[in-house]
N, C-alpha and C. Protein backbone atom coordinates (compact mmCIF):
# COMPACT_ATOMS: atom_id res chain seq x y z
N UNK A 1 63.01 62.52 127.86
CA UNK A 1 63.11 63.69 126.98
C UNK A 1 64.57 64.12 126.86
N UNK A 2 65.03 64.26 125.63
CA UNK A 2 66.40 64.69 125.42
C UNK A 2 66.58 66.12 125.90
N UNK A 3 67.72 66.35 126.53
CA UNK A 3 68.01 67.70 126.98
C UNK A 3 68.92 68.38 125.95
N UNK A 4 68.52 69.56 125.54
CA UNK A 4 69.31 70.31 124.55
C UNK A 4 69.43 71.77 124.97
N UNK A 5 70.35 72.42 124.36
CA UNK A 5 70.50 73.87 124.54
C UNK A 5 70.61 74.52 123.16
N UNK A 6 69.87 75.60 122.98
CA UNK A 6 69.89 76.33 121.71
C UNK A 6 70.51 77.70 121.93
N UNK A 7 71.51 78.00 121.16
CA UNK A 7 72.23 79.28 121.29
C UNK A 7 72.38 79.91 119.92
N UNK A 8 72.12 81.20 119.85
CA UNK A 8 72.34 81.91 118.60
C UNK A 8 73.72 82.56 118.63
N UNK A 9 74.53 82.18 117.69
CA UNK A 9 75.87 82.75 117.59
C UNK A 9 75.87 83.92 116.62
N UNK A 10 76.55 84.97 117.00
CA UNK A 10 76.64 86.17 116.16
C UNK A 10 78.09 86.36 115.73
N UNK A 11 78.30 86.42 114.43
CA UNK A 11 79.65 86.63 113.91
C UNK A 11 79.82 88.05 113.41
N UNK A 12 80.95 88.64 113.67
CA UNK A 12 81.24 89.99 113.20
C UNK A 12 82.65 90.02 112.60
N UNK A 13 82.81 90.82 111.56
CA UNK A 13 84.13 91.00 110.96
C UNK A 13 84.31 92.46 110.57
N UNK A 14 85.55 92.86 110.49
CA UNK A 14 85.90 94.19 110.01
C UNK A 14 87.05 94.01 109.03
N UNK A 15 86.82 94.36 107.77
CA UNK A 15 87.82 94.13 106.74
C UNK A 15 88.10 95.41 105.97
N UNK A 16 89.31 95.51 105.46
CA UNK A 16 89.69 96.67 104.67
C UNK A 16 89.19 96.49 103.24
N UNK A 17 88.60 97.52 102.66
CA UNK A 17 88.18 97.44 101.25
C UNK A 17 89.41 97.26 100.36
N UNK A 18 89.28 96.41 99.36
CA UNK A 18 90.38 96.21 98.42
C UNK A 18 89.92 96.31 96.97
N UNK A 19 88.69 96.81 96.76
CA UNK A 19 88.12 96.84 95.42
C UNK A 19 87.24 98.07 95.27
N UNK A 20 87.26 98.67 94.08
CA UNK A 20 86.46 99.86 93.79
C UNK A 20 85.44 99.52 92.70
N UNK A 21 84.20 99.93 92.91
CA UNK A 21 83.15 99.72 91.91
C UNK A 21 82.52 101.06 91.56
N UNK A 22 82.64 101.45 90.29
CA UNK A 22 82.02 102.68 89.80
C UNK A 22 80.79 102.30 88.98
N UNK A 23 79.62 102.78 89.40
CA UNK A 23 78.39 102.55 88.65
C UNK A 23 78.07 103.82 87.86
N UNK A 24 77.83 103.65 86.57
CA UNK A 24 77.59 104.79 85.68
C UNK A 24 76.20 104.67 85.05
N UNK A 25 75.50 105.80 85.00
CA UNK A 25 74.17 105.83 84.41
C UNK A 25 74.14 106.79 83.23
N UNK A 26 73.63 106.29 82.10
CA UNK A 26 73.44 107.09 80.90
C UNK A 26 71.93 107.17 80.63
N UNK A 27 71.40 108.38 80.53
CA UNK A 27 69.98 108.58 80.25
C UNK A 27 69.86 109.46 79.01
N UNK A 28 69.15 108.96 78.00
CA UNK A 28 68.97 109.68 76.74
C UNK A 28 67.49 109.80 76.43
N UNK A 29 67.04 111.02 76.09
CA UNK A 29 65.64 111.26 75.77
C UNK A 29 65.49 111.83 74.37
N UNK A 30 64.49 111.34 73.63
CA UNK A 30 64.22 111.87 72.29
C UNK A 30 62.80 111.48 71.90
N UNK A 31 62.21 112.25 71.00
CA UNK A 31 60.87 111.95 70.54
C UNK A 31 60.84 110.68 69.69
N UNK A 32 61.99 110.32 69.12
CA UNK A 32 62.07 109.12 68.30
C UNK A 32 62.82 108.03 69.06
N UNK A 33 62.28 106.84 68.99
CA UNK A 33 62.88 105.68 69.68
C UNK A 33 64.32 105.47 69.24
N UNK A 34 64.53 105.40 67.94
CA UNK A 34 65.85 105.09 67.41
C UNK A 34 66.89 106.13 67.81
N UNK A 35 66.50 107.39 67.83
CA UNK A 35 67.45 108.45 68.18
C UNK A 35 67.82 108.41 69.66
N UNK A 36 66.86 108.05 70.51
CA UNK A 36 67.17 107.97 71.95
C UNK A 36 68.21 106.87 72.20
N UNK A 37 68.08 105.76 71.46
CA UNK A 37 69.02 104.65 71.61
C UNK A 37 70.36 105.01 70.98
N UNK A 38 70.33 105.61 69.81
CA UNK A 38 71.57 106.00 69.13
C UNK A 38 72.38 106.98 69.96
N UNK A 39 71.70 107.94 70.56
CA UNK A 39 72.40 108.92 71.39
C UNK A 39 73.04 108.26 72.60
N UNK A 40 72.28 107.34 73.23
CA UNK A 40 72.83 106.62 74.39
C UNK A 40 74.05 105.80 73.98
N UNK A 41 73.96 105.11 72.84
CA UNK A 41 75.08 104.30 72.38
C UNK A 41 76.31 105.15 72.05
N UNK A 42 76.08 106.32 71.49
CA UNK A 42 77.19 107.22 71.18
C UNK A 42 77.90 107.66 72.47
N UNK A 43 77.12 107.93 73.50
CA UNK A 43 77.71 108.36 74.77
C UNK A 43 78.45 107.21 75.45
N UNK A 44 77.94 105.99 75.27
CA UNK A 44 78.66 104.83 75.80
C UNK A 44 79.98 104.65 75.08
N UNK A 45 79.99 104.93 73.77
CA UNK A 45 81.24 104.89 73.02
C UNK A 45 82.27 105.86 73.59
N UNK A 46 81.81 107.03 74.00
CA UNK A 46 82.72 108.01 74.62
C UNK A 46 83.24 107.49 75.97
N UNK A 47 82.37 106.82 76.72
CA UNK A 47 82.80 106.24 78.00
C UNK A 47 83.85 105.16 77.77
N UNK A 48 83.62 104.32 76.76
CA UNK A 48 84.58 103.26 76.47
C UNK A 48 85.95 103.83 76.12
N UNK A 49 85.97 104.89 75.33
CA UNK A 49 87.25 105.53 74.99
C UNK A 49 87.92 106.09 76.24
N UNK A 50 87.11 106.63 77.15
CA UNK A 50 87.66 107.21 78.37
C UNK A 50 88.30 106.14 79.25
N UNK A 51 87.63 105.00 79.41
CA UNK A 51 88.19 103.96 80.28
C UNK A 51 89.42 103.32 79.64
N UNK A 52 89.43 103.22 78.30
CA UNK A 52 90.61 102.68 77.61
C UNK A 52 91.81 103.62 77.80
N UNK A 53 91.54 104.93 77.76
CA UNK A 53 92.61 105.90 77.97
C UNK A 53 93.15 105.86 79.39
N UNK A 54 92.37 105.28 80.30
CA UNK A 54 92.79 105.16 81.70
C UNK A 54 93.48 103.83 81.98
N UNK A 55 93.68 103.03 80.94
CA UNK A 55 94.42 101.79 81.11
C UNK A 55 93.58 100.53 81.19
N UNK A 56 92.27 100.65 80.98
CA UNK A 56 91.40 99.49 81.02
C UNK A 56 91.21 98.91 79.62
N UNK A 57 90.70 97.69 79.57
CA UNK A 57 90.24 97.09 78.33
C UNK A 57 88.77 97.47 78.18
N UNK A 58 88.34 97.77 76.96
CA UNK A 58 86.97 98.23 76.73
C UNK A 58 85.93 97.31 77.36
N UNK A 59 86.19 96.00 77.29
CA UNK A 59 85.21 95.02 77.79
C UNK A 59 85.07 95.04 79.31
N UNK A 60 85.97 95.73 80.01
CA UNK A 60 85.85 95.81 81.47
C UNK A 60 84.71 96.72 81.90
N UNK A 61 84.21 97.54 80.99
CA UNK A 61 83.04 98.37 81.26
C UNK A 61 81.81 97.52 81.00
N UNK A 62 81.22 96.97 82.04
CA UNK A 62 80.13 96.01 81.92
C UNK A 62 78.76 96.70 81.93
N UNK A 63 77.82 96.15 81.14
CA UNK A 63 76.45 96.65 81.14
C UNK A 63 75.63 95.88 82.16
N UNK A 64 75.08 96.59 83.14
CA UNK A 64 74.24 95.96 84.16
C UNK A 64 72.78 95.92 83.74
N UNK A 65 72.32 96.97 83.06
CA UNK A 65 70.92 96.98 82.63
C UNK A 65 70.74 97.93 81.44
N UNK A 66 69.68 97.64 80.66
CA UNK A 66 69.31 98.45 79.51
C UNK A 66 67.79 98.51 79.47
N UNK A 67 67.25 99.72 79.28
CA UNK A 67 65.80 99.86 79.26
C UNK A 67 65.39 101.06 78.42
N UNK A 68 64.35 100.89 77.63
CA UNK A 68 63.77 102.00 76.88
C UNK A 68 62.29 102.06 77.26
N UNK A 69 61.85 103.22 77.71
CA UNK A 69 60.46 103.38 78.13
C UNK A 69 59.86 104.65 77.51
N UNK A 70 58.53 104.68 77.44
CA UNK A 70 57.86 105.89 76.96
C UNK A 70 57.79 106.90 78.08
N UNK A 71 57.81 108.15 77.71
CA UNK A 71 57.79 109.24 78.68
C UNK A 71 56.56 110.11 78.45
N UNK A 72 55.82 110.36 79.52
CA UNK A 72 54.64 111.22 79.44
C UNK A 72 54.77 112.37 80.43
N UNK A 73 54.28 113.52 80.04
CA UNK A 73 54.30 114.70 80.91
C UNK A 73 52.89 115.24 81.05
N UNK A 74 52.57 115.71 82.25
CA UNK A 74 51.24 116.25 82.50
C UNK A 74 51.13 117.70 82.06
N UNK A 75 49.99 118.05 81.50
CA UNK A 75 49.73 119.44 81.13
C UNK A 75 48.23 119.72 81.24
N UNK A 76 47.90 120.99 81.28
CA UNK A 76 46.50 121.42 81.36
C UNK A 76 46.10 122.07 80.05
N UNK A 77 44.96 121.61 79.48
CA UNK A 77 44.53 122.18 78.21
C UNK A 77 43.82 123.51 78.41
N UNK A 78 43.28 124.08 77.30
CA UNK A 78 42.66 125.40 77.36
C UNK A 78 41.39 125.42 78.20
N UNK A 79 40.85 124.23 78.51
CA UNK A 79 39.65 124.14 79.34
C UNK A 79 39.96 123.83 80.80
N UNK A 80 41.25 123.81 81.11
CA UNK A 80 41.65 123.55 82.48
C UNK A 80 41.68 122.07 82.85
N UNK A 81 41.60 121.20 81.85
CA UNK A 81 41.60 119.78 82.12
C UNK A 81 43.02 119.22 82.03
N UNK A 82 43.33 118.39 83.02
CA UNK A 82 44.67 117.80 83.08
C UNK A 82 44.73 116.57 82.18
N UNK A 83 45.85 116.40 81.52
CA UNK A 83 46.02 115.21 80.69
C UNK A 83 47.50 114.88 80.57
N UNK A 84 47.78 113.60 80.27
CA UNK A 84 49.15 113.14 80.03
C UNK A 84 49.44 113.20 78.54
N UNK A 85 50.55 113.80 78.20
CA UNK A 85 50.93 113.97 76.80
C UNK A 85 52.24 113.23 76.54
N UNK A 86 52.28 112.48 75.46
CA UNK A 86 53.48 111.75 75.09
C UNK A 86 54.64 112.71 74.89
N UNK A 87 55.78 112.42 75.58
CA UNK A 87 56.94 113.32 75.52
C UNK A 87 58.18 112.61 75.01
N UNK A 88 57.99 111.49 74.34
CA UNK A 88 59.13 110.82 73.74
C UNK A 88 59.53 109.54 74.44
N UNK A 89 60.76 109.12 74.16
CA UNK A 89 61.29 107.87 74.71
C UNK A 89 62.50 108.17 75.59
N UNK A 90 62.65 107.34 76.63
CA UNK A 90 63.79 107.47 77.54
C UNK A 90 64.59 106.18 77.49
N UNK A 91 65.84 106.29 77.09
CA UNK A 91 66.74 105.13 77.04
C UNK A 91 67.70 105.22 78.23
N UNK A 92 67.76 104.15 79.00
CA UNK A 92 68.61 104.13 80.20
C UNK A 92 69.60 102.95 80.14
N UNK A 93 70.84 103.26 80.35
CA UNK A 93 71.89 102.25 80.49
C UNK A 93 72.49 102.39 81.89
N UNK A 94 72.77 101.27 82.53
CA UNK A 94 73.54 101.27 83.77
C UNK A 94 74.76 100.39 83.53
N UNK A 95 75.94 100.96 83.77
CA UNK A 95 77.19 100.24 83.52
C UNK A 95 78.04 100.22 84.79
N UNK A 96 79.02 99.32 84.79
CA UNK A 96 79.86 99.17 85.98
C UNK A 96 81.30 98.96 85.58
N UNK A 97 82.19 99.64 86.30
CA UNK A 97 83.62 99.48 86.11
C UNK A 97 84.24 99.18 87.47
N UNK A 98 84.93 98.04 87.58
CA UNK A 98 85.50 97.62 88.86
C UNK A 98 87.00 97.37 88.71
N UNK A 99 87.75 97.68 89.77
CA UNK A 99 89.19 97.45 89.74
C UNK A 99 89.75 97.47 91.16
N UNK A 100 90.97 96.96 91.30
CA UNK A 100 91.62 96.90 92.60
C UNK A 100 91.81 98.30 93.18
N UNK A 101 91.83 98.37 94.50
CA UNK A 101 91.95 99.65 95.21
C UNK A 101 93.20 100.40 94.78
N UNK A 102 93.00 101.59 94.25
CA UNK A 102 94.11 102.43 93.79
C UNK A 102 93.57 103.86 93.69
N UNK A 103 93.93 104.72 94.63
CA UNK A 103 93.40 106.09 94.68
C UNK A 103 93.76 106.88 93.44
N UNK A 104 95.00 106.73 92.98
CA UNK A 104 95.41 107.48 91.80
C UNK A 104 94.65 107.03 90.56
N UNK A 105 94.51 105.73 90.39
CA UNK A 105 93.79 105.22 89.23
C UNK A 105 92.32 105.66 89.27
N UNK A 106 91.75 105.71 90.47
CA UNK A 106 90.37 106.17 90.61
C UNK A 106 90.24 107.62 90.16
N UNK A 107 91.14 108.48 90.63
CA UNK A 107 91.08 109.89 90.26
C UNK A 107 91.28 110.08 88.76
N UNK A 108 92.23 109.36 88.19
CA UNK A 108 92.50 109.48 86.76
C UNK A 108 91.31 108.99 85.93
N UNK A 109 90.69 107.91 86.39
CA UNK A 109 89.54 107.36 85.67
C UNK A 109 88.36 108.33 85.71
N UNK A 110 88.09 108.90 86.87
CA UNK A 110 86.98 109.84 87.00
C UNK A 110 87.23 111.10 86.16
N UNK A 111 88.47 111.53 86.10
CA UNK A 111 88.81 112.68 85.27
C UNK A 111 88.55 112.38 83.80
N UNK A 112 88.98 111.20 83.35
CA UNK A 112 88.76 110.81 81.96
C UNK A 112 87.28 110.72 81.63
N UNK A 113 86.51 110.18 82.56
CA UNK A 113 85.06 110.06 82.35
C UNK A 113 84.42 111.45 82.27
N UNK A 114 84.82 112.35 83.17
CA UNK A 114 84.23 113.68 83.20
C UNK A 114 84.56 114.48 81.96
N UNK A 115 85.74 114.23 81.36
CA UNK A 115 86.16 114.97 80.18
C UNK A 115 85.73 114.30 78.88
N UNK A 116 85.05 113.16 78.98
CA UNK A 116 84.70 112.39 77.78
C UNK A 116 83.54 112.98 77.00
N UNK A 117 82.72 113.80 77.66
CA UNK A 117 81.53 114.33 77.01
C UNK A 117 80.34 113.40 77.08
N UNK A 118 80.46 112.29 77.81
CA UNK A 118 79.37 111.32 77.90
C UNK A 118 78.27 111.78 78.84
N UNK A 119 78.58 112.73 79.71
CA UNK A 119 77.60 113.24 80.68
C UNK A 119 76.95 112.11 81.47
N UNK A 120 77.77 111.25 82.01
CA UNK A 120 77.28 110.10 82.78
C UNK A 120 77.20 110.46 84.26
N UNK A 121 76.13 110.03 84.91
CA UNK A 121 76.04 110.13 86.36
C UNK A 121 76.73 108.90 86.95
N UNK A 122 77.43 109.09 88.05
CA UNK A 122 78.12 107.93 88.60
C UNK A 122 78.11 107.93 90.12
N UNK A 123 78.29 106.75 90.67
CA UNK A 123 78.44 106.58 92.11
C UNK A 123 79.61 105.63 92.35
N UNK A 124 80.27 105.79 93.48
CA UNK A 124 81.47 105.01 93.78
C UNK A 124 81.28 104.26 95.09
N UNK A 125 81.62 102.97 95.07
CA UNK A 125 81.56 102.17 96.29
C UNK A 125 82.89 101.45 96.49
N UNK A 126 83.27 101.34 97.76
CA UNK A 126 84.48 100.62 98.13
C UNK A 126 84.05 99.30 98.74
N UNK A 127 84.57 98.20 98.19
CA UNK A 127 84.08 96.90 98.59
C UNK A 127 85.24 95.90 98.66
N UNK A 128 84.94 94.62 98.58
CA UNK A 128 85.97 93.58 98.59
C UNK A 128 85.86 92.77 97.31
N UNK A 129 86.98 92.32 96.83
CA UNK A 129 87.02 91.58 95.57
C UNK A 129 86.41 90.19 95.71
N UNK A 130 86.54 89.59 96.90
CA UNK A 130 86.02 88.24 97.12
C UNK A 130 85.08 88.25 98.33
N UNK A 131 83.83 88.64 98.13
CA UNK A 131 82.87 88.71 99.25
C UNK A 131 82.61 87.37 99.91
N UNK A 132 82.83 86.27 99.17
CA UNK A 132 82.59 84.95 99.76
C UNK A 132 83.54 84.68 100.93
N UNK A 133 84.73 85.31 100.89
CA UNK A 133 85.66 85.14 102.01
C UNK A 133 85.12 85.82 103.27
N UNK A 134 84.49 86.98 103.08
CA UNK A 134 83.88 87.68 104.21
C UNK A 134 82.76 86.83 104.80
N UNK A 135 81.94 86.25 103.92
CA UNK A 135 80.84 85.41 104.38
C UNK A 135 81.35 84.20 105.16
N UNK A 136 82.40 83.57 104.67
CA UNK A 136 82.95 82.40 105.36
C UNK A 136 83.51 82.79 106.72
N UNK A 137 84.19 83.92 106.81
CA UNK A 137 84.74 84.38 108.08
C UNK A 137 83.64 84.69 109.07
N UNK A 138 82.53 85.26 108.59
CA UNK A 138 81.39 85.55 109.46
C UNK A 138 80.80 84.28 110.05
N UNK A 139 80.67 83.26 109.23
CA UNK A 139 80.09 82.00 109.71
C UNK A 139 81.00 81.33 110.73
N UNK A 140 82.31 81.36 110.47
CA UNK A 140 83.25 80.81 111.46
C UNK A 140 83.15 81.57 112.77
N UNK A 141 83.06 82.89 112.67
CA UNK A 141 82.94 83.72 113.87
C UNK A 141 81.65 83.43 114.62
N UNK A 142 80.56 83.23 113.88
CA UNK A 142 79.27 82.94 114.52
C UNK A 142 79.32 81.59 115.24
N UNK A 143 79.96 80.59 114.63
CA UNK A 143 80.05 79.27 115.24
C UNK A 143 80.87 79.32 116.53
N UNK A 144 81.99 80.04 116.50
CA UNK A 144 82.82 80.18 117.70
C UNK A 144 82.07 80.91 118.80
N UNK A 145 81.36 81.96 118.42
CA UNK A 145 80.60 82.74 119.39
C UNK A 145 79.51 81.89 120.05
N UNK A 146 78.82 81.08 119.25
CA UNK A 146 77.76 80.23 119.79
C UNK A 146 78.33 79.19 120.75
N UNK A 147 79.42 78.57 120.40
CA UNK A 147 80.02 77.55 121.26
C UNK A 147 80.49 78.15 122.58
N UNK A 148 81.10 79.32 122.52
CA UNK A 148 81.53 79.98 123.76
C UNK A 148 80.35 80.25 124.68
N UNK A 149 79.26 80.76 124.12
CA UNK A 149 78.06 81.02 124.92
C UNK A 149 77.50 79.74 125.53
N UNK A 150 77.45 78.68 124.70
CA UNK A 150 76.90 77.42 125.18
C UNK A 150 77.75 76.84 126.30
N UNK A 151 79.06 76.90 126.16
CA UNK A 151 79.95 76.38 127.20
C UNK A 151 79.81 77.15 128.50
N UNK A 152 79.67 78.47 128.41
CA UNK A 152 79.48 79.29 129.61
C UNK A 152 78.17 78.93 130.31
N UNK A 153 77.10 78.79 129.51
CA UNK A 153 75.80 78.46 130.09
C UNK A 153 75.81 77.08 130.74
N UNK A 154 76.43 76.11 130.10
CA UNK A 154 76.50 74.76 130.67
C UNK A 154 77.33 74.75 131.96
N UNK A 155 78.46 75.43 131.92
CA UNK A 155 79.31 75.49 133.12
C UNK A 155 78.58 76.14 134.28
N UNK A 156 77.85 77.22 133.99
CA UNK A 156 77.12 77.93 135.04
C UNK A 156 75.97 77.10 135.62
N UNK A 157 75.44 76.19 134.82
CA UNK A 157 74.30 75.38 135.28
C UNK A 157 74.70 73.97 135.70
N UNK A 158 76.00 73.68 135.75
CA UNK A 158 76.47 72.38 136.20
C UNK A 158 76.28 71.27 135.19
N UNK A 159 76.19 71.61 133.91
CA UNK A 159 76.02 70.60 132.87
C UNK A 159 77.24 70.59 131.97
N UNK A 160 77.25 69.63 131.06
CA UNK A 160 78.33 69.55 130.08
C UNK A 160 77.74 69.61 128.68
N UNK A 161 78.49 70.25 127.82
CA UNK A 161 78.04 70.39 126.44
C UNK A 161 78.31 69.10 125.68
N UNK A 162 77.27 68.59 125.02
CA UNK A 162 77.39 67.35 124.29
C UNK A 162 77.59 67.54 122.79
N UNK A 163 76.99 66.65 122.04
CA UNK A 163 77.14 66.65 120.58
C UNK A 163 76.28 67.73 119.93
N UNK A 164 76.83 68.36 118.89
CA UNK A 164 76.06 69.33 118.13
C UNK A 164 74.98 68.58 117.36
N UNK A 165 73.73 68.98 117.55
CA UNK A 165 72.59 68.28 116.94
C UNK A 165 72.11 68.93 115.65
N UNK A 166 72.06 70.26 115.65
CA UNK A 166 71.45 70.95 114.51
C UNK A 166 71.97 72.37 114.40
N UNK A 167 72.01 72.87 113.17
CA UNK A 167 72.35 74.27 112.90
C UNK A 167 71.24 74.86 112.04
N UNK A 168 70.66 75.96 112.48
CA UNK A 168 69.66 76.68 111.70
C UNK A 168 70.27 77.97 111.18
N UNK A 169 70.26 78.11 109.86
CA UNK A 169 70.85 79.31 109.27
C UNK A 169 70.02 79.76 108.09
N UNK A 170 69.65 81.03 108.07
CA UNK A 170 68.93 81.62 106.96
C UNK A 170 69.92 82.44 106.13
N UNK A 171 70.06 82.08 104.87
CA UNK A 171 71.00 82.80 104.00
C UNK A 171 70.50 84.22 103.78
N UNK A 172 71.33 85.17 104.08
CA UNK A 172 70.98 86.58 103.90
C UNK A 172 72.14 87.31 103.22
N UNK A 173 71.80 88.42 102.60
CA UNK A 173 72.85 89.25 102.00
C UNK A 173 73.61 89.98 103.10
N UNK A 174 74.91 89.92 103.03
CA UNK A 174 75.73 90.60 104.03
C UNK A 174 76.28 91.89 103.44
N UNK A 175 76.61 92.81 104.31
CA UNK A 175 77.17 94.08 103.86
C UNK A 175 78.63 93.89 103.47
N UNK A 176 78.96 94.27 102.24
CA UNK A 176 80.35 94.20 101.79
C UNK A 176 80.81 95.55 101.23
N UNK A 177 80.19 96.63 101.74
CA UNK A 177 80.54 97.97 101.26
C UNK A 177 80.96 98.88 102.41
N UNK A 178 81.98 99.66 102.16
CA UNK A 178 82.45 100.64 103.14
C UNK A 178 81.47 101.81 103.20
N UNK A 179 81.28 102.40 104.40
CA UNK A 179 80.41 103.58 104.50
C UNK A 179 81.06 104.85 103.95
N UNK A 180 82.31 104.78 103.60
CA UNK A 180 83.02 105.97 103.11
C UNK A 180 82.50 106.40 101.75
N UNK A 181 82.47 107.72 101.52
CA UNK A 181 82.07 108.28 100.23
C UNK A 181 83.26 109.04 99.64
N UNK A 182 83.23 109.18 98.33
CA UNK A 182 84.34 109.83 97.62
C UNK A 182 83.74 110.78 96.60
N UNK A 183 84.04 112.07 96.75
CA UNK A 183 83.56 113.06 95.80
C UNK A 183 84.71 113.96 95.40
N UNK A 184 84.68 114.41 94.15
CA UNK A 184 85.72 115.33 93.70
C UNK A 184 85.15 116.20 92.59
N UNK A 185 85.59 117.44 92.56
CA UNK A 185 85.16 118.35 91.50
C UNK A 185 85.84 117.93 90.19
N UNK A 186 85.06 117.84 89.15
CA UNK A 186 85.57 117.39 87.86
C UNK A 186 86.16 118.55 87.07
N UNK A 187 87.43 118.79 87.27
CA UNK A 187 88.12 119.84 86.53
C UNK A 187 89.32 119.23 85.82
N UNK A 188 89.72 119.86 84.74
CA UNK A 188 90.87 119.35 83.99
C UNK A 188 92.13 119.38 84.86
N UNK A 189 92.89 118.28 84.77
CA UNK A 189 94.13 118.20 85.53
C UNK A 189 93.95 117.79 86.97
N UNK A 190 92.73 117.41 87.36
CA UNK A 190 92.50 117.07 88.75
C UNK A 190 93.31 115.87 89.20
N UNK A 191 93.60 114.96 88.26
CA UNK A 191 94.33 113.75 88.63
C UNK A 191 95.74 114.05 89.10
N UNK A 192 96.25 115.23 88.77
CA UNK A 192 97.60 115.58 89.19
C UNK A 192 97.70 115.76 90.69
N UNK A 193 96.59 116.10 91.32
CA UNK A 193 96.58 116.27 92.77
C UNK A 193 95.70 115.24 93.42
N UNK A 194 96.15 114.01 93.42
CA UNK A 194 95.35 112.90 93.95
C UNK A 194 95.30 112.98 95.47
N UNK A 195 94.10 112.96 96.06
CA UNK A 195 94.00 113.03 97.51
C UNK A 195 94.43 111.73 98.18
N UNK A 196 95.01 111.85 99.36
CA UNK A 196 95.27 110.65 100.16
C UNK A 196 93.93 110.15 100.66
N UNK A 197 93.62 108.90 100.36
CA UNK A 197 92.29 108.41 100.68
C UNK A 197 92.37 106.99 101.22
N UNK A 198 91.82 106.78 102.40
CA UNK A 198 91.79 105.47 103.04
C UNK A 198 90.36 105.20 103.49
N UNK A 199 89.59 104.41 102.73
CA UNK A 199 88.20 104.16 103.09
C UNK A 199 88.07 103.46 104.44
N UNK A 200 86.99 103.74 105.11
CA UNK A 200 86.70 103.09 106.39
C UNK A 200 86.49 101.60 106.18
N UNK A 201 86.86 100.83 107.18
CA UNK A 201 86.71 99.37 107.09
C UNK A 201 85.24 98.98 106.92
N UNK A 202 85.05 97.86 106.25
CA UNK A 202 83.71 97.29 106.08
C UNK A 202 83.38 96.46 107.31
N UNK A 203 82.25 96.76 107.92
CA UNK A 203 81.83 96.03 109.12
C UNK A 203 80.56 95.23 108.80
N UNK A 204 80.64 93.92 109.01
CA UNK A 204 79.52 93.04 108.70
C UNK A 204 79.22 92.11 109.86
N UNK A 205 78.01 91.62 109.89
CA UNK A 205 77.62 90.65 110.91
C UNK A 205 76.65 89.64 110.32
N UNK A 206 76.60 88.47 110.93
CA UNK A 206 75.69 87.41 110.51
C UNK A 206 75.46 86.52 111.72
N UNK A 207 74.43 85.70 111.67
CA UNK A 207 74.12 84.85 112.82
C UNK A 207 73.53 83.52 112.39
N UNK A 208 73.58 82.55 113.31
CA UNK A 208 73.01 81.24 113.09
C UNK A 208 72.67 80.65 114.45
N UNK A 209 71.70 79.75 114.49
CA UNK A 209 71.29 79.09 115.73
C UNK A 209 71.89 77.69 115.78
N UNK A 210 72.49 77.33 116.91
CA UNK A 210 73.12 76.03 117.11
C UNK A 210 72.43 75.30 118.25
N UNK A 211 72.20 74.01 118.07
CA UNK A 211 71.55 73.19 119.10
C UNK A 211 72.49 72.05 119.49
N UNK A 212 72.79 71.98 120.79
CA UNK A 212 73.65 70.91 121.33
C UNK A 212 72.86 70.04 122.32
N UNK A 213 73.34 68.82 122.48
CA UNK A 213 72.86 68.01 123.59
C UNK A 213 73.49 68.49 124.88
N UNK A 214 72.79 68.32 125.97
CA UNK A 214 73.33 68.64 127.29
C UNK A 214 73.53 67.34 128.05
N UNK A 215 74.72 67.14 128.59
CA UNK A 215 75.04 65.92 129.34
C UNK A 215 74.96 66.16 130.84
């Protein structure tokens, strides 16, 4: 019977965010389908003008999703019976604007968006421009961690580590977002007083199982 040792290696990394992603939501409601879409498109036009005024190209404002659905509201009739009543159409757009880490540009962009009249809801995330580099570093870290564990176990048991036989790895989504949040009151001229902002490092981990022969 072949003698083997199986060790799970855990890789960890801590990286500084170098990319900002702003997700924007536009929601338009109207009793008529066409008007709900027209209103949403008009507000997106205002957003596009805002991002262009902040130094972006219009096409950098990407559409992530578009959806139009019927809207119903519950009410009670004169007999006390509950029923759902058609309340129009809801048009939803989700858009994304991403750019290199720059606190001043972020503040100026948010100010332009807030003053555009688009009434967009938004969220901000600090991430990395090339997440595949984080993934590669995690896997290298996991492999080194597994080998160190295997060598310690073999040395402690009087054996020697042989040839690597197999690697088991399940592809999973890794965390590439900083836990830091960024909020600011949307008032005119806010960009003039840009806050000093340094997002917390992104901490990620991943693992894989390694099997070696034991000599």
